[in-house]
Each structure stands twice: as C-alpha cells, then as structure tokens.
Amino acid sequence: IPLYENFVEKLGFYLEKEIKTGEFGALMQVSLVNDGPVTIIIDTKNKDN
C-alpha cells in the first residue's frame, strides 16, 4: 500500500531509525516490560457503596 509504505519511510527518516513492519495477523513473539504506574480497576455489582 503506497500510502502506508510512504508513511513508514518518512517516519524512519524522522526518527532516524529503521522501522520494521510485519504481516497483519501473523503469529509473532513479543516481549513486554511493565515499569511504572499501574491502573487497577475494581468492579462490583453493588453500586450503592
């Protein structure tokens, strides 16, 4: 898709980094490091308290 490819090229130029692209829906292995504040949502059926 020319619009997407152009965007990736310009983003790489702006960030001065190689932008890697992949295939939508492909099986991928990713890693995650959580470092920082957390949001904890507590849900209850009792809305009065």
PDB file of N, CA and C in Angstrom:
ATOM      1  N   ILE A   1       0.858  -1.170   0.000  1.00  0.00           N
ATOM      2  CA  ILE A   1       0.000   0.000   0.000  1.00  0.00           C
ATOM      3  C   ILE A   1       0.905   1.234   0.000  1.00  0.00           C
ATOM      4  N   PRO A   2       0.883   1.985  -1.069  1.00  0.00           N
ATOM      5  CA  PRO A   2       1.817   3.116  -1.200  1.00  0.00           C
ATOM      6  C   PRO A   2       1.722   4.143  -0.064  1.00  0.00           C
ATOM      7  N   LEU A   3       0.515   4.471   0.402  1.00  0.00           N
ATOM      8  CA  LEU A   3       0.369   5.462   1.468  1.00  0.00           C
ATOM      9  C   LEU A   3       1.059   4.979   2.742  1.00  0.00           C
ATOM     10  N   TYR A   4       0.830   3.717   3.094  1.00  0.00           N
ATOM     11  CA  TYR A   4       1.443   3.135   4.290  1.00  0.00           C
ATOM     12  C   TYR A   4       2.962   3.075   4.152  1.00  0.00           C
ATOM     13  N   GLU A   5       3.436   2.608   3.011  1.00  0.00           N
ATOM     14  CA  GLU A   5       4.880   2.499   2.782  1.00  0.00           C
ATOM     15  C   GLU A   5       5.553   3.867   2.846  1.00  0.00           C
ATOM     16  N   ASN A   6       4.897   4.887   2.303  1.00  0.00           N
ATOM     17  CA  ASN A   6       5.430   6.248   2.351  1.00  0.00           C
ATOM     18  C   ASN A   6       5.484   6.745   3.792  1.00  0.00           C
ATOM     19  N   PHE A   7       4.443   6.461   4.568  1.00  0.00           N
ATOM     20  CA  PHE A   7       4.407   6.859   5.975  1.00  0.00           C
ATOM     21  C   PHE A   7       5.543   6.208   6.752  1.00  0.00           C
ATOM     22  N   VAL A   8       5.746   4.910   6.560  1.00  0.00           N
ATOM     23  CA  VAL A   8       6.810   4.186   7.259  1.00  0.00           C
ATOM     24  C   VAL A   8       8.178   4.749   6.882  1.00  0.00           C
ATOM     25  N   GLU A   9       8.362   5.044   5.611  1.00  0.00           N
ATOM     26  CA  GLU A   9       9.639   5.605   5.153  1.00  0.00           C
ATOM     27  C   GLU A   9       9.906   6.968   5.799  1.00  0.00           C
ATOM     28  N   LYS A  10       8.911   7.839   5.797  1.00  0.00           N
ATOM     29  CA  LYS A  10       9.085   9.178   6.380  1.00  0.00           C
ATOM     30  C   LYS A  10       9.253   9.111   7.898  1.00  0.00           C
ATOM     31  N   LEU A  11       8.549   8.202   8.555  1.00  0.00           N
ATOM     32  CA  LEU A  11       8.696   8.037   9.998  1.00  0.00           C
ATOM     33  C   LEU A  11      10.104   7.578  10.342  1.00  0.00           C
ATOM     34  N   GLY A  12      10.635   6.641   9.576  1.00  0.00           N
ATOM     35  CA  GLY A  12      12.001   6.176   9.788  1.00  0.00           C
ATOM     36  C   GLY A  12      13.014   7.289   9.599  1.00  0.00           C
ATOM     37  N   PHE A  13      12.783   8.126   8.597  1.00  0.00           N
ATOM     38  CA  PHE A  13      13.674   9.265   8.363  1.00  0.00           C
ATOM     39  C   PHE A  13      13.602  10.245   9.533  1.00  0.00           C
ATOM     40  N   TYR A  14      12.390  10.540   9.995  1.00  0.00           N
ATOM     41  CA  TYR A  14      12.182  11.494  11.084  1.00  0.00           C
ATOM     42  C   TYR A  14      12.796  10.987  12.390  1.00  0.00           C
ATOM     43  N   LEU A  15      12.600   9.698  12.689  1.00  0.00           N
ATOM     44  CA  LEU A  15      13.112   9.126  13.938  1.00  0.00           C
ATOM     45  C   LEU A  15      14.574   8.705  13.844  1.00  0.00           C
ATOM     46  N   GLU A  16      15.106   8.721  12.625  1.00  0.00           N
ATOM     47  CA  GLU A  16      16.466   8.257  12.368  1.00  0.00           C
ATOM     48  C   GLU A  16      16.657   6.822  12.860  1.00  0.00           C
ATOM     49  N   LYS A  17      15.657   5.984  12.581  1.00  0.00           N
ATOM     50  CA  LYS A  17      15.679   4.568  12.953  1.00  0.00           C
ATOM     51  C   LYS A  17      15.038   3.759  11.835  1.00  0.00           C
ATOM     52  N   GLU A  18      15.422   2.496  11.784  1.00  0.00           N
ATOM     53  CA  GLU A  18      14.769   1.590  10.850  1.00  0.00           C
ATOM     54  C   GLU A  18      13.429   1.180  11.443  1.00  0.00           C
ATOM     55  N   ILE A  19      12.373   1.299  10.683  1.00  0.00           N
ATOM     56  CA  ILE A  19      11.045   0.897  11.121  1.00  0.00           C
ATOM     57  C   ILE A  19      10.766  -0.478  10.530  1.00  0.00           C
ATOM     58  N   LYS A  20      10.556  -1.441  11.397  1.00  0.00           N
ATOM     59  CA  LYS A  20      10.253  -2.787  10.930  1.00  0.00           C
ATOM     60  C   LYS A  20       8.752  -2.943  10.788  1.00  0.00           C
ATOM     61  N   THR A  21       8.335  -3.579   9.728  1.00  0.00           N
ATOM     62  CA  THR A  21       6.917  -3.831   9.504  1.00  0.00           C
ATOM     63  C   THR A  21       6.699  -5.330   9.453  1.00  0.00           C
ATOM     64  N   GLY A  22       5.486  -5.729   9.692  1.00  0.00           N
ATOM     65  CA  GLY A  22       5.169  -7.154   9.702  1.00  0.00           C
ATOM     66  C   GLY A  22       3.913  -7.433   8.907  1.00  0.00           C
ATOM     67  N   GLU A  23       3.419  -8.622   9.091  1.00  0.00           N
ATOM     68  CA  GLU A  23       2.234  -9.071   8.385  1.00  0.00           C
ATOM     69  C   GLU A  23       1.069  -9.072   9.360  1.00  0.00           C
ATOM     70  N   PHE A  24      -0.053  -8.449   8.984  1.00  0.00           N
ATOM     71  CA  PHE A  24      -1.212  -8.379   9.859  1.00  0.00           C
ATOM     72  C   PHE A  24      -1.736  -9.781  10.148  1.00  0.00           C
ATOM     73  N   GLY A  25      -1.945 -10.059  11.416  1.00  0.00           N
ATOM     74  CA  GLY A  25      -2.492 -11.344  11.815  1.00  0.00           C
ATOM     75  C   GLY A  25      -1.474 -12.459  11.874  1.00  0.00           C
ATOM     76  N   ALA A  26      -0.210 -12.151  11.646  1.00  0.00           N
ATOM     77  CA  ALA A  26       0.823 -13.184  11.674  1.00  0.00           C
ATOM     78  C   ALA A  26       1.117 -13.590  13.113  1.00  0.00           C
ATOM     79  N   LEU A  27       1.568 -14.800  13.295  1.00  0.00           N
ATOM     80  CA  LEU A  27       1.968 -15.284  14.606  1.00  0.00           C
ATOM     81  C   LEU A  27       3.305 -14.648  14.948  1.00  0.00           C
ATOM     82  N   MET A  28       3.342 -13.911  16.068  1.00  0.00           N
ATOM     83  CA  MET A  28       4.560 -13.207  16.450  1.00  0.00           C
ATOM     84  C   MET A  28       4.854 -13.446  17.920  1.00  0.00           C
ATOM     85  N   GLN A  29       6.120 -13.407  18.267  1.00  0.00           N
ATOM     86  CA  GLN A  29       6.534 -13.456  19.659  1.00  0.00           C
ATOM     87  C   GLN A  29       6.959 -12.052  20.056  1.00  0.00           C
ATOM     88  N   VAL A  30       6.382 -11.561  21.135  1.00  0.00           N
ATOM     89  CA  VAL A  30       6.718 -10.229  21.619  1.00  0.00           C
ATOM     90  C   VAL A  30       7.079 -10.316  23.091  1.00  0.00           C
ATOM     91  N   SER A  31       7.803  -9.326  23.574  1.00  0.00           N
ATOM     92  CA  SER A  31       8.129  -9.270  24.995  1.00  0.00           C
ATOM     93  C   SER A  31       7.619  -7.951  25.549  1.00  0.00           C
ATOM     94  N   LEU A  32       7.393  -7.929  26.848  1.00  0.00           N
ATOM     95  CA  LEU A  32       6.826  -6.754  27.486  1.00  0.00           C
ATOM     96  C   LEU A  32       7.486  -6.546  28.831  1.00  0.00           C
ATOM     97  N   VAL A  33       7.834  -5.303  29.120  1.00  0.00           N
ATOM     98  CA  VAL A  33       8.370  -4.935  30.429  1.00  0.00           C
ATOM     99  C   VAL A  33       7.456  -3.865  30.999  1.00  0.00           C
ATOM    100  N   ASN A  34       6.787  -4.189  32.093  1.00  0.00           N
ATOM    101  CA  ASN A  34       5.941  -3.205  32.767  1.00  0.00           C
ATOM    102  C   ASN A  34       6.789  -2.465  33.782  1.00  0.00           C
ATOM    103  N   ASP A  35       6.895  -1.162  33.617  1.00  0.00           N
ATOM    104  CA  ASP A  35       7.708  -0.354  34.519  1.00  0.00           C
ATOM    105  C   ASP A  35       7.020   0.989  34.693  1.00  0.00           C
ATOM    106  N   GLY A  36       6.404   1.188  35.834  1.00  0.00           N
ATOM    107  CA  GLY A  36       5.755   2.473  36.060  1.00  0.00           C
ATOM    108  C   GLY A  36       4.436   2.320  36.780  1.00  0.00           C
ATOM    109  N   PRO A  37       3.667   3.393  36.793  1.00  0.00           N
ATOM    110  CA  PRO A  37       2.381   3.365  37.492  1.00  0.00           C
ATOM    111  C   PRO A  37       1.443   2.327  36.891  1.00  0.00           C
ATOM    112  N   VAL A  38       0.559   1.843  37.714  1.00  0.00           N
ATOM    113  CA  VAL A  38      -0.431   0.873  37.257  1.00  0.00           C
ATOM    114  C   VAL A  38      -1.829   1.410  37.515  1.00  0.00           C
ATOM    115  N   THR A  39      -2.756   0.975  36.712  1.00  0.00           N
ATOM    116  CA  THR A  39      -4.155   1.293  36.919  1.00  0.00           C
ATOM    117  C   THR A  39      -4.864   0.010  37.305  1.00  0.00           C
ATOM    118  N   ILE A  40      -5.540   0.035  38.436  1.00  0.00           N
ATOM    119  CA  ILE A  40      -6.284  -1.134  38.896  1.00  0.00           C
ATOM    120  C   ILE A  40      -7.755  -0.762  38.900  1.00  0.00           C
ATOM    121  N   ILE A  41      -8.554  -1.527  38.182  1.00  0.00           N
ATOM    122  CA  ILE A  41      -9.987  -1.280  38.108  1.00  0.00           C
ATOM    123  C   ILE A  41     -10.679  -2.314  38.982  1.00  0.00           C
ATOM    124  N   ILE A  42     -11.479  -1.832  39.922  1.00  0.00           N
ATOM    125  CA  ILE A  42     -12.246  -2.721  40.789  1.00  0.00           C
ATOM    126  C   ILE A  42     -13.704  -2.562  40.405  1.00  0.00           C
ATOM    127  N   ASP A  43     -14.320  -3.660  40.006  1.00  0.00           N
ATOM    128  CA  ASP A  43     -15.707  -3.631  39.563  1.00  0.00           C
ATOM    129  C   ASP A  43     -16.558  -4.411  40.555  1.00  0.00           C
ATOM    130  N   THR A  44     -17.761  -3.939  40.802  1.00  0.00           N
ATOM    131  CA  THR A  44     -18.668  -4.618  41.714  1.00  0.00           C
ATOM    132  C   THR A  44     -20.092  -4.505  41.197  1.00  0.00           C
ATOM    133  N   LYS A  45     -20.901  -5.480  41.568  1.00  0.00           N
ATOM    134  CA  LYS A  45     -22.315  -5.424  41.202  1.00  0.00           C
ATOM    135  C   LYS A  45     -23.067  -4.485  42.139  1.00  0.00           C
ATOM    136  N   ASN A  46     -22.518  -4.252  43.339  1.00  0.00           N
ATOM    137  CA  ASN A  46     -23.138  -3.377  44.323  1.00  0.00           C
ATOM    138  C   ASN A  46     -22.706  -1.941  44.039  1.00  0.00           C
ATOM    139  N   LYS A  47     -23.557  -1.161  43.397  1.00  0.00           N
ATOM    140  CA  LYS A  47     -23.216   0.209  43.014  1.00  0.00           C
ATOM    141  C   LYS A  47     -23.519   1.228  44.116  1.00  0.00           C
ATOM    142  N   ASP A  48     -24.127   0.791  45.242  1.00  0.00           N
ATOM    143  CA  ASP A  48     -24.501   1.712  46.312  1.00  0.00           C
ATOM    144  C   ASP A  48     -23.316   2.119  47.175  1.00  0.00           C
ATOM    145  N   ASN A  49     -22.306   1.334  47.276  1.00  0.00           N
ATOM    146  CA  ASN A  49     -21.167   1.628  48.159  1.00  0.00           C
ATOM    147  C   ASN A  49     -19.967   2.041  47.383  1.00  0.00           C
TER     148      ASN A  49
END
